[in-house]
Amino acid sequence: MPIYEYTCKACHKDFEELVFGAGDTVKCPACGSTKTEKLMSCSCFKTSDGQGGYSLPASSGGCSGCSGGNCSSCK
C-alpha cells in the first residue's frame, strides 16, 4: 500500500494519501473535493555496503572525483 502525493484542483493544496487500491477515490483533506491529481514523486533507494550499513549508489552521489562514492569528498 503505497503513499502517493496529490494536488487538489479545487483548492490547490498538495497532500499525501495512503492508497489501498487502484480504484480508490482520493479526497482532499483540506476541502473534501475529489478533483485531485496524482503528482510525480521522487524516490530514494539505499544499497547495502557489504558491512552491515547502507550507502547511496555511486551514480547518485555528487562527487565526480571517484568511482566508488566512498571518498571523503562524497560524504
PDB file of N, CA and C in Angstrom:
ATOM      1  N   MET A   1       0.841  -1.180   0.000  1.00  0.00           N
ATOM      2  CA  MET A   1       0.000   0.000   0.000  1.00  0.00           C
ATOM      3  C   MET A   1       0.889   1.247   0.000  1.00  0.00           C
ATOM      4  N   PRO A   2       1.087   1.814  -1.146  1.00  0.00           N
ATOM      5  CA  PRO A   2       1.982   2.971  -1.249  1.00  0.00           C
ATOM      6  C   PRO A   2       1.316   4.276  -0.823  1.00  0.00           C
ATOM      7  N   ILE A   3       2.163   5.211  -0.473  1.00  0.00           N
ATOM      8  CA  ILE A   3       1.715   6.576  -0.189  1.00  0.00           C
ATOM      9  C   ILE A   3       2.011   7.397  -1.433  1.00  0.00           C
ATOM     10  N   TYR A   4       0.985   8.049  -1.958  1.00  0.00           N
ATOM     11  CA  TYR A   4       1.132   8.875  -3.152  1.00  0.00           C
ATOM     12  C   TYR A   4       0.972  10.348  -2.787  1.00  0.00           C
ATOM     13  N   GLU A   5       1.568  11.198  -3.597  1.00  0.00           N
ATOM     14  CA  GLU A   5       1.412  12.643  -3.449  1.00  0.00           C
ATOM     15  C   GLU A   5       0.356  13.114  -4.442  1.00  0.00           C
ATOM     16  N   TYR A   6      -0.514  13.993  -3.981  1.00  0.00           N
ATOM     17  CA  TYR A   6      -1.598  14.523  -4.811  1.00  0.00           C
ATOM     18  C   TYR A   6      -1.645  16.038  -4.697  1.00  0.00           C
ATOM     19  N   THR A   7      -2.313  16.651  -5.650  1.00  0.00           N
ATOM     20  CA  THR A   7      -2.650  18.064  -5.570  1.00  0.00           C
ATOM     21  C   THR A   7      -4.147  18.178  -5.809  1.00  0.00           C
ATOM     22  N   CYS A   8      -4.778  19.095  -5.115  1.00  0.00           N
ATOM     23  CA  CYS A   8      -6.210  19.319  -5.265  1.00  0.00           C
ATOM     24  C   CYS A   8      -6.419  20.406  -6.322  1.00  0.00           C
ATOM     25  N   LYS A   9      -7.234  20.081  -7.319  1.00  0.00           N
ATOM     26  CA  LYS A   9      -7.502  21.058  -8.374  1.00  0.00           C
ATOM     27  C   LYS A   9      -8.488  22.126  -7.916  1.00  0.00           C
ATOM     28  N   ALA A  10      -9.210  21.881  -6.831  1.00  0.00           N
ATOM     29  CA  ALA A  10     -10.178  22.857  -6.333  1.00  0.00           C
ATOM     30  C   ALA A  10      -9.518  23.923  -5.451  1.00  0.00           C
ATOM     31  N   CYS A  11      -8.693  23.479  -4.483  1.00  0.00           N
ATOM     32  CA  CYS A  11      -8.093  24.447  -3.547  1.00  0.00           C
ATOM     33  C   CYS A  11      -6.576  24.571  -3.703  1.00  0.00           C
ATOM     34  N   HIS A  12      -5.973  23.769  -4.611  1.00  0.00           N
ATOM     35  CA  HIS A  12      -4.551  23.836  -4.946  1.00  0.00           C
ATOM     36  C   HIS A  12      -3.625  23.451  -3.793  1.00  0.00           C
ATOM     37  N   LYS A  13      -4.109  22.639  -2.853  1.00  0.00           N
ATOM     38  CA  LYS A  13      -3.271  22.141  -1.757  1.00  0.00           C
ATOM     39  C   LYS A  13      -2.618  20.832  -2.187  1.00  0.00           C
ATOM     40  N   ASP A  14      -1.356  20.617  -1.790  1.00  0.00           N
ATOM     41  CA  ASP A  14      -0.665  19.356  -2.015  1.00  0.00           C
ATOM     42  C   ASP A  14      -0.780  18.521  -0.740  1.00  0.00           C
ATOM     43  N   PHE A  15      -0.943  17.198  -0.902  1.00  0.00           N
ATOM     44  CA  PHE A  15      -1.072  16.314   0.250  1.00  0.00           C
ATOM     45  C   PHE A  15      -0.638  14.912  -0.130  1.00  0.00           C
ATOM     46  N   GLU A  16      -0.436  14.068   0.887  1.00  0.00           N
ATOM     47  CA  GLU A  16      -0.079  12.672   0.697  1.00  0.00           C
ATOM     48  C   GLU A  16      -1.242  11.807   1.140  1.00  0.00           C
ATOM     49  N   GLU A  17      -1.401  10.662   0.471  1.00  0.00           N
ATOM     50  CA  GLU A  17      -2.514   9.771   0.804  1.00  0.00           C
ATOM     51  C   GLU A  17      -2.064   8.316   0.669  1.00  0.00           C
ATOM     52  N   LEU A  18      -2.402   7.495   1.665  1.00  0.00           N
ATOM     53  CA  LEU A  18      -2.166   6.061   1.604  1.00  0.00           C
ATOM     54  C   LEU A  18      -3.269   5.456   0.758  1.00  0.00           C
ATOM     55  N   VAL A  19      -2.900   4.790  -0.332  1.00  0.00           N
ATOM     56  CA  VAL A  19      -3.884   4.269  -1.281  1.00  0.00           C
ATOM     57  C   VAL A  19      -3.929   2.751  -1.170  1.00  0.00           C
ATOM     58  N   PHE A  20      -5.118   2.206  -0.941  1.00  0.00           N
ATOM     59  CA  PHE A  20      -5.287   0.771  -0.758  1.00  0.00           C
ATOM     60  C   PHE A  20      -5.522   0.043  -2.071  1.00  0.00           C
ATOM     61  N   GLY A  21      -6.139   0.675  -3.047  1.00  0.00           N
ATOM     62  CA  GLY A  21      -6.415   0.038  -4.326  1.00  0.00           C
ATOM     63  C   GLY A  21      -6.373   1.048  -5.453  1.00  0.00           C
ATOM     64  N   ALA A  22      -6.244   0.547  -6.676  1.00  0.00           N
ATOM     65  CA  ALA A  22      -6.124   1.432  -7.833  1.00  0.00           C
ATOM     66  C   ALA A  22      -7.398   2.239  -8.077  1.00  0.00           C
ATOM     67  N   GLY A  23      -8.547   1.714  -7.691  1.00  0.00           N
ATOM     68  CA  GLY A  23      -9.806   2.395  -7.950  1.00  0.00           C
ATOM     69  C   GLY A  23     -10.286   3.292  -6.823  1.00  0.00           C
ATOM     70  N   ASP A  24      -9.486   3.458  -5.782  1.00  0.00           N
ATOM     71  CA  ASP A  24      -9.895   4.289  -4.648  1.00  0.00           C
ATOM     72  C   ASP A  24     -10.038   5.747  -5.058  1.00  0.00           C
ATOM     73  N   THR A  25     -11.104   6.381  -4.580  1.00  0.00           N
ATOM     74  CA  THR A  25     -11.306   7.811  -4.793  1.00  0.00           C
ATOM     75  C   THR A  25     -10.546   8.561  -3.712  1.00  0.00           C
ATOM     76  N   VAL A  26      -9.730   9.522  -4.116  1.00  0.00           N
ATOM     77  CA  VAL A  26      -8.918  10.290  -3.173  1.00  0.00           C
ATOM     78  C   VAL A  26      -9.564  11.645  -2.967  1.00  0.00           C
ATOM     79  N   LYS A  27      -9.836  11.963  -1.696  1.00  0.00           N
ATOM     80  CA  LYS A  27     -10.440  13.255  -1.346  1.00  0.00           C
ATOM     81  C   LYS A  27      -9.387  14.163  -0.728  1.00  0.00           C
ATOM     82  N   CYS A  28      -9.477  15.432  -1.046  1.00  0.00           N
ATOM     83  CA  CYS A  28      -8.591  16.435  -0.466  1.00  0.00           C
ATOM     84  C   CYS A  28      -8.922  16.590   1.017  1.00  0.00           C
ATOM     85  N   PRO A  29      -7.934  16.484   1.906  1.00  0.00           N
ATOM     86  CA  PRO A  29      -8.201  16.649   3.334  1.00  0.00           C
ATOM     87  C   PRO A  29      -8.550  18.093   3.720  1.00  0.00           C
ATOM     88  N   ALA A  30      -8.187  19.055   2.893  1.00  0.00           N
ATOM     89  CA  ALA A  30      -8.452  20.460   3.206  1.00  0.00           C
ATOM     90  C   ALA A  30      -9.881  20.877   2.847  1.00  0.00           C
ATOM     91  N   CYS A  31     -10.348  20.479   1.638  1.00  0.00           N
ATOM     92  CA  CYS A  31     -11.661  20.955   1.193  1.00  0.00           C
ATOM     93  C   CYS A  31     -12.659  19.832   0.906  1.00  0.00           C
ATOM     94  N   GLY A  32     -12.177  18.566   0.861  1.00  0.00           N
ATOM     95  CA  GLY A  32     -13.060  17.439   0.618  1.00  0.00           C
ATOM     96  C   GLY A  32     -13.356  17.160  -0.843  1.00  0.00           C
ATOM     97  N   SER A  33     -12.770  17.897  -1.741  1.00  0.00           N
ATOM     98  CA  SER A  33     -13.003  17.710  -3.169  1.00  0.00           C
ATOM     99  C   SER A  33     -12.376  16.404  -3.648  1.00  0.00           C
ATOM    100  N   THR A  34     -13.013  15.772  -4.623  1.00  0.00           N
ATOM    101  CA  THR A  34     -12.449  14.579  -5.257  1.00  0.00           C
ATOM    102  C   THR A  34     -11.744  14.935  -6.566  1.00  0.00           C
ATOM    103  N   LYS A  35     -11.624  16.193  -6.864  1.00  0.00           N
ATOM    104  CA  LYS A  35     -10.907  16.642  -8.060  1.00  0.00           C
ATOM    105  C   LYS A  35      -9.429  16.754  -7.720  1.00  0.00           C
ATOM    106  N   THR A  36      -8.791  15.589  -7.649  1.00  0.00           N
ATOM    107  CA  THR A  36      -7.385  15.528  -7.275  1.00  0.00           C
ATOM    108  C   THR A  36      -6.574  14.930  -8.421  1.00  0.00           C
ATOM    109  N   GLU A  37      -5.282  15.220  -8.402  1.00  0.00           N
ATOM    110  CA  GLU A  37      -4.375  14.715  -9.429  1.00  0.00           C
ATOM    111  C   GLU A  37      -3.131  14.159  -8.756  1.00  0.00           C
ATOM    112  N   LYS A  38      -2.730  12.939  -9.152  1.00  0.00           N
ATOM    113  CA  LYS A  38      -1.540  12.317  -8.602  1.00  0.00           C
ATOM    114  C   LYS A  38      -0.314  13.039  -9.148  1.00  0.00           C
ATOM    115  N   LEU A  39       0.643  13.331  -8.270  1.00  0.00           N
ATOM    116  CA  LEU A  39       1.877  14.012  -8.657  1.00  0.00           C
ATOM    117  C   LEU A  39       2.996  13.003  -8.860  1.00  0.00           C
ATOM    118  N   MET A  40       3.978  13.378  -9.618  1.00  0.00           N
ATOM    119  CA  MET A  40       5.174  12.555  -9.790  1.00  0.00           C
ATOM    120  C   MET A  40       6.017  12.690  -8.540  1.00  0.00           C
ATOM    121  N   SER A  41       6.391  11.572  -7.952  1.00  0.00           N
ATOM    122  CA  SER A  41       7.174  11.574  -6.723  1.00  0.00           C
ATOM    123  C   SER A  41       8.611  11.179  -6.993  1.00  0.00           C
ATOM    124  N   CYS A  42       9.485  11.612  -6.127  1.00  0.00           N
ATOM    125  CA  CYS A  42      10.893  11.256  -6.204  1.00  0.00           C
ATOM    126  C   CYS A  42      11.154  10.146  -5.196  1.00  0.00           C
ATOM    127  N   SER A  43      11.931   9.153  -5.584  1.00  0.00           N
ATOM    128  CA  SER A  43      12.257   8.039  -4.702  1.00  0.00           C
ATOM    129  C   SER A  43      13.746   8.016  -4.417  1.00  0.00           C
ATOM    130  N   CYS A  44      14.084   7.471  -3.272  1.00  0.00           N
ATOM    131  CA  CYS A  44      15.480   7.298  -2.908  1.00  0.00           C
ATOM    132  C   CYS A  44      15.649   5.866  -2.421  1.00  0.00           C
ATOM    133  N   PHE A  45      16.584   5.146  -3.000  1.00  0.00           N
ATOM    134  CA  PHE A  45      16.824   3.772  -2.619  1.00  0.00           C
ATOM    135  C   PHE A  45      18.214   3.642  -2.020  1.00  0.00           C
ATOM    136  N   LYS A  46      18.325   2.818  -0.989  1.00  0.00           N
ATOM    137  CA  LYS A  46      19.611   2.555  -0.372  1.00  0.00           C
ATOM    138  C   LYS A  46      20.111   1.192  -0.824  1.00  0.00           C
ATOM    139  N   THR A  47      21.424   1.052  -0.866  1.00  0.00           N
ATOM    140  CA  THR A  47      22.024  -0.244  -1.180  1.00  0.00           C
ATOM    141  C   THR A  47      22.940  -0.637  -0.033  1.00  0.00           C
ATOM    142  N   SER A  48      23.078  -1.919   0.192  1.00  0.00           N
ATOM    143  CA  SER A  48      23.947  -2.412   1.247  1.00  0.00           C
ATOM    144  C   SER A  48      25.397  -2.174   0.863  1.00  0.00           C
ATOM    145  N   ASP A  49      26.221  -1.796   1.836  1.00  0.00           N
ATOM    146  CA  ASP A  49      27.643  -1.574   1.544  1.00  0.00           C
ATOM    147  C   ASP A  49      28.477  -2.822   1.828  1.00  0.00           C
ATOM    148  N   GLY A  50      27.828  -3.958   2.157  1.00  0.00           N
ATOM    149  CA  GLY A  50      28.526  -5.198   2.423  1.00  0.00           C
ATOM    150  C   GLY A  50      29.083  -5.306   3.830  1.00  0.00           C
ATOM    151  N   GLN A  51      28.941  -4.258   4.651  1.00  0.00           N
ATOM    152  CA  GLN A  51      29.461  -4.256   6.017  1.00  0.00           C
ATOM    153  C   GLN A  51      28.348  -4.019   7.025  1.00  0.00           C
ATOM    154  N   GLY A  52      27.120  -4.300   6.642  1.00  0.00           N
ATOM    155  CA  GLY A  52      26.001  -4.130   7.563  1.00  0.00           C
ATOM    156  C   GLY A  52      25.404  -2.733   7.537  1.00  0.00           C
ATOM    157  N   GLY A  53      26.007  -1.820   6.811  1.00  0.00           N
ATOM    158  CA  GLY A  53      25.498  -0.457   6.704  1.00  0.00           C
ATOM    159  C   GLY A  53      24.891  -0.219   5.342  1.00  0.00           C
ATOM    160  N   TYR A  54      24.537   0.987   5.090  1.00  0.00           N
ATOM    161  CA  TYR A  54      23.935   1.335   3.814  1.00  0.00           C
ATOM    162  C   TYR A  54      24.618   2.554   3.230  1.00  0.00           C
ATOM    163  N   SER A  55      24.618   2.623   1.905  1.00  0.00           N
ATOM    164  CA  SER A  55      25.163   3.785   1.215  1.00  0.00           C
ATOM    165  C   SER A  55      24.330   4.038  -0.019  1.00  0.00           C
ATOM    166  N   LEU A  56      24.377   5.234  -0.514  1.00  0.00           N
ATOM    167  CA  LEU A  56      23.689   5.553  -1.753  1.00  0.00           C
ATOM    168  C   LEU A  56      24.515   5.038  -2.915  1.00  0.00           C
ATOM    169  N   PRO A  57      23.869   4.653  -4.015  1.00  0.00           N
ATOM    170  CA  PRO A  57      24.632   4.220  -5.187  1.00  0.00           C
ATOM    171  C   PRO A  57      25.593   5.309  -5.639  1.00  0.00           C
ATOM    172  N   ALA A  58      26.746   4.925  -6.165  1.00  0.00           N
ATOM    173  CA  ALA A  58      27.777   5.884  -6.564  1.00  0.00           C
ATOM    174  C   ALA A  58      27.266   6.863  -7.603  1.00  0.00           C
ATOM    175  N   SER A  59      26.385   6.433  -8.487  1.00  0.00           N
ATOM    176  CA  SER A  59      25.895   7.315  -9.543  1.00  0.00           C
ATOM    177  C   SER A  59      25.015   8.431  -9.008  1.00  0.00           C
ATOM    178  N   SER A  60      24.468   8.258  -7.792  1.00  0.00           N
ATOM    179  CA  SER A  60      23.595   9.295  -7.256  1.00  0.00           C
ATOM    180  C   SER A  60      24.356  10.320  -6.432  1.00  0.00           C
ATOM    181  N   GLY A  61      25.636  10.060  -6.146  1.00  0.00           N
ATOM    182  CA  GLY A  61      26.413  10.996  -5.357  1.00  0.00           C
ATOM    183  C   GLY A  61      26.795  12.224  -6.163  1.00  0.00           C
ATOM    184  N   GLY A  62      27.140  13.280  -5.467  1.00  0.00           N
ATOM    185  CA  GLY A  62      27.508  14.500  -6.147  1.00  0.00           C
ATOM    186  C   GLY A  62      28.984  14.583  -6.482  1.00  0.00           C
ATOM    187  N   CYS A  63      29.724  13.502  -6.211  1.00  0.00           N
ATOM    188  CA  CYS A  63      31.168  13.516  -6.407  1.00  0.00           C
ATOM    189  C   CYS A  63      31.531  12.946  -7.750  1.00  0.00           C
ATOM    190  N   SER A  64      32.339  13.653  -8.510  1.00  0.00           N
ATOM    191  CA  SER A  64      32.810  13.123  -9.779  1.00  0.00           C
ATOM    192  C   SER A  64      34.287  12.763  -9.703  1.00  0.00           C
ATOM    193  N   GLY A  65      34.880  12.897  -8.516  1.00  0.00           N
ATOM    194  CA  GLY A  65      36.302  12.649  -8.359  1.00  0.00           C
ATOM    195  C   GLY A  65      36.659  11.210  -8.075  1.00  0.00           C
ATOM    196  N   CYS A  66      35.686  10.359  -7.808  1.00  0.00           N
ATOM    197  CA  CYS A  66      35.967   8.954  -7.555  1.00  0.00           C
ATOM    198  C   CYS A  66      34.882   8.103  -8.203  1.00  0.00           C
ATOM    199  N   SER A  67      35.125   6.822  -8.279  1.00  0.00           N
ATOM    200  CA  SER A  67      34.137   5.956  -8.918  1.00  0.00           C
ATOM    201  C   SER A  67      33.331   5.166  -7.913  1.00  0.00           C
ATOM    202  N   GLY A  68      33.749   5.091  -6.688  1.00  0.00           N
ATOM    203  CA  GLY A  68      33.066   4.244  -5.703  1.00  0.00           C
ATOM    204  C   GLY A  68      32.085   4.976  -4.834  1.00  0.00           C
ATOM    205  N   GLY A  69      32.148   6.284  -4.791  1.00  0.00           N
ATOM    206  CA  GLY A  69      31.246   7.043  -3.932  1.00  0.00           C
ATOM    207  C   GLY A  69      31.630   6.995  -2.467  1.00  0.00           C
ATOM    208  N   ASN A  70      32.846   6.510  -2.149  1.00  0.00           N
ATOM    209  CA  ASN A  70      33.240   6.373  -0.757  1.00  0.00           C
ATOM    210  C   ASN A  70      34.389   7.291  -0.351  1.00  0.00           C
ATOM    211  N   CYS A  71      34.809   8.196  -1.206  1.00  0.00           N
ATOM    212  CA  CYS A  71      35.906   9.090  -0.843  1.00  0.00           C
ATOM    213  C   CYS A  71      35.412  10.176   0.107  1.00  0.00           C
ATOM    214  N   SER A  72      36.303  10.857   0.758  1.00  0.00           N
ATOM    215  CA  SER A  72      35.915  11.845   1.775  1.00  0.00           C
ATOM    216  C   SER A  72      35.141  13.012   1.177  1.00  0.00           C
ATOM    217  N   SER A  73      35.330  13.314  -0.101  1.00  0.00           N
ATOM    218  CA  SER A  73      34.611  14.439  -0.694  1.00  0.00           C
ATOM    219  C   SER A  73      33.181  14.073  -1.052  1.00  0.00           C
ATOM    220  N   CYS A  74      32.855  12.763  -1.068  1.00  0.00           N
ATOM    221  CA  CYS A  74      31.489  12.333  -1.396  1.00  0.00           C
ATOM    222  C   CYS A  74      30.584  12.326  -0.179  1.00  0.00           C
ATOM    223  N   LYS A  75      31.133  12.374   1.010  1.00  0.00           N
ATOM    224  CA  LYS A  75      30.331  12.226   2.230  1.00  0.00           C
ATOM    225  C   LYS A  75      29.763  13.508   2.710  1.00  0.00           C
TER     226      LYS A  75
END
